[in-house]
């Protein structure tokens, strides 16, 4: 799967994520799929301020990333690492 194919299916991933964890869905809804090398997906939040505040959300963010990874595996059948940029 390449980045273009992933983008085509991203709404299906988000729909499933919303059913499982609405807070995670809100967190990733406006992420831009910046790069995918077949193993690692880079999500760009430069247009969003969600992850740019001085608050410490690393524990919650880690759980949300794990939830997103499990949904991607369920919907697309692939495992990947996710890096937030």
C-alpha atoms as a PDB file:
ATOM      1  CA  UNK A   1       0.000   0.000   0.000  1.00  0.00           C
ATOM      2  CA  UNK A   2       1.286   3.462  -0.828  1.00  0.00           C
ATOM      3  CA  UNK A   3       0.349   6.917   0.465  1.00  0.00           C
ATOM      4  CA  UNK A   4      -2.246   7.550  -2.263  1.00  0.00           C
ATOM      5  CA  UNK A   5      -4.018   4.262  -1.512  1.00  0.00           C
ATOM      6  CA  UNK A   6      -3.918   4.983   2.201  1.00  0.00           C
ATOM      7  CA  UNK A   7      -5.448   8.417   1.636  1.00  0.00           C
ATOM      8  CA  UNK A   8      -8.255   6.847  -0.415  1.00  0.00           C
ATOM      9  CA  UNK A   9      -9.164   4.599   2.511  1.00  0.00           C
ATOM     10  CA  UNK A  10      -8.506   7.075   5.325  1.00  0.00           C
ATOM     11  CA  UNK A  11     -12.177   7.984   5.794  1.00  0.00           C
ATOM     12  CA  UNK A  12     -12.980   4.315   6.431  1.00  0.00           C
ATOM     13  CA  UNK A  13     -10.251   4.258   9.084  1.00  0.00           C
ATOM     14  CA  UNK A  14     -11.629   7.427  10.682  1.00  0.00           C
ATOM     15  CA  UNK A  15     -15.209   6.098  10.605  1.00  0.00           C
ATOM     16  CA  UNK A  16     -14.148   2.955  12.465  1.00  0.00           C
ATOM     17  CA  UNK A  17     -12.021   4.976  14.886  1.00  0.00           C
ATOM     18  CA  UNK A  18     -15.028   7.170  15.701  1.00  0.00           C
ATOM     19  CA  UNK A  19     -17.086   4.079  16.570  1.00  0.00           C
ATOM     20  CA  UNK A  20     -14.375   2.833  18.933  1.00  0.00           C
ATOM     21  CA  UNK A  21     -13.012   6.028  20.501  1.00  0.00           C
ATOM     22  CA  UNK A  22     -14.550   9.395  19.692  1.00  0.00           C
ATOM     23  CA  UNK A  23     -11.829  11.322  21.516  1.00  0.00           C
ATOM     24  CA  UNK A  24      -9.139   9.614  19.422  1.00  0.00           C
ATOM     25  CA  UNK A  25     -11.201  10.374  16.310  1.00  0.00           C
ATOM     26  CA  UNK A  26     -11.303  14.058  17.263  1.00  0.00           C
ATOM     27  CA  UNK A  27      -7.537  13.980  17.796  1.00  0.00           C
ATOM     28  CA  UNK A  28      -6.741  12.493  14.386  1.00  0.00           C
ATOM     29  CA  UNK A  29      -9.596  13.856  12.277  1.00  0.00           C
ATOM     30  CA  UNK A  30      -7.671  16.821  10.893  1.00  0.00           C
ATOM     31  CA  UNK A  31      -4.240  15.189  10.708  1.00  0.00           C
ATOM     32  CA  UNK A  32      -2.604  15.354   7.307  1.00  0.00           C
ATOM     33  CA  UNK A  33      -1.182  12.096   6.012  1.00  0.00           C
ATOM     34  CA  UNK A  34       2.251  13.496   5.205  1.00  0.00           C
ATOM     35  CA  UNK A  35       4.303  10.444   4.313  1.00  0.00           C
ATOM     36  CA  UNK A  36       4.063   6.655   4.263  1.00  0.00           C
ATOM     37  CA  UNK A  37       6.985   4.411   3.378  1.00  0.00           C
ATOM     38  CA  UNK A  38       5.093   1.140   3.624  1.00  0.00           C
ATOM     39  CA  UNK A  39       5.898   0.724   7.320  1.00  0.00           C
ATOM     40  CA  UNK A  40       5.669   4.120   8.972  1.00  0.00           C
ATOM     41  CA  UNK A  41       2.910   6.695   8.606  1.00  0.00           C
ATOM     42  CA  UNK A  42       3.795  10.310   9.377  1.00  0.00           C
ATOM     43  CA  UNK A  43       0.839  12.403  10.520  1.00  0.00           C
ATOM     44  CA  UNK A  44       1.307  16.158  10.238  1.00  0.00           C
ATOM     45  CA  UNK A  45      -0.487  18.430  12.689  1.00  0.00           C
ATOM     46  CA  UNK A  46       1.145  21.666  11.576  1.00  0.00           C
ATOM     47  CA  UNK A  47      -2.280  23.096  10.698  1.00  0.00           C
ATOM     48  CA  UNK A  48      -3.682  22.062  14.049  1.00  0.00           C
ATOM     49  CA  UNK A  49      -2.887  23.255  17.553  1.00  0.00           C
ATOM     50  CA  UNK A  50      -4.137  20.111  19.306  1.00  0.00           C
ATOM     51  CA  UNK A  51      -0.698  18.713  19.988  1.00  0.00           C
ATOM     52  CA  UNK A  52       1.133  22.017  20.139  1.00  0.00           C
ATOM     53  CA  UNK A  53       0.145  23.216  23.583  1.00  0.00           C
ATOM     54  CA  UNK A  54       2.200  23.279  26.752  1.00  0.00           C
ATOM     55  CA  UNK A  55      -0.029  20.620  28.333  1.00  0.00           C
ATOM     56  CA  UNK A  56       1.300  17.119  28.810  1.00  0.00           C
ATOM     57  CA  UNK A  57      -0.840  14.661  26.873  1.00  0.00           C
ATOM     58  CA  UNK A  58       1.811  12.033  26.090  1.00  0.00           C
ATOM     59  CA  UNK A  59       0.078   9.227  27.991  1.00  0.00           C
ATOM     60  CA  UNK A  60      -3.266   9.917  26.326  1.00  0.00           C
ATOM     61  CA  UNK A  61      -1.615  10.479  22.956  1.00  0.00           C
ATOM     62  CA  UNK A  62       0.212   7.132  23.195  1.00  0.00           C
ATOM     63  CA  UNK A  63      -3.092   5.332  23.856  1.00  0.00           C
ATOM     64  CA  UNK A  64      -4.757   7.172  20.974  1.00  0.00           C
ATOM     65  CA  UNK A  65      -1.948   6.236  18.586  1.00  0.00           C
ATOM     66  CA  UNK A  66      -2.244   2.589  19.650  1.00  0.00           C
ATOM     67  CA  UNK A  67      -6.007   2.731  19.070  1.00  0.00           C
ATOM     68  CA  UNK A  68      -5.457   4.250  15.625  1.00  0.00           C
ATOM     69  CA  UNK A  69      -2.909   1.556  14.747  1.00  0.00           C
ATOM     70  CA  UNK A  70      -5.350  -1.195  15.748  1.00  0.00           C
ATOM     71  CA  UNK A  71      -8.125   0.377  13.664  1.00  0.00           C
ATOM     72  CA  UNK A  72      -5.813   0.636  10.636  1.00  0.00           C
ATOM     73  CA  UNK A  73      -4.980  -3.047  11.033  1.00  0.00           C
ATOM     74  CA  UNK A  74      -8.660  -3.944  11.325  1.00  0.00           C
ATOM     75  CA  UNK A  75      -9.835  -1.813   8.372  1.00  0.00           C
ATOM     76  CA  UNK A  76      -6.841  -2.080   6.030  1.00  0.00           C
ATOM     77  CA  UNK A  77      -5.234  -5.292   7.211  1.00  0.00           C
ATOM     78  CA  UNK A  78      -1.769  -3.767   7.636  1.00  0.00           C
ATOM     79  CA  UNK A  79       0.426  -2.947  10.601  1.00  0.00           C
ATOM     80  CA  UNK A  80       2.430   0.266  10.730  1.00  0.00           C
ATOM     81  CA  UNK A  81       4.217   2.626  13.016  1.00  0.00           C
ATOM     82  CA  UNK A  82       2.810   6.130  13.396  1.00  0.00           C
ATOM     83  CA  UNK A  83       4.885   9.238  13.980  1.00  0.00           C
ATOM     84  CA  UNK A  84       3.270  12.574  14.848  1.00  0.00           C
ATOM     85  CA  UNK A  85       5.031  15.552  13.312  1.00  0.00           C
END
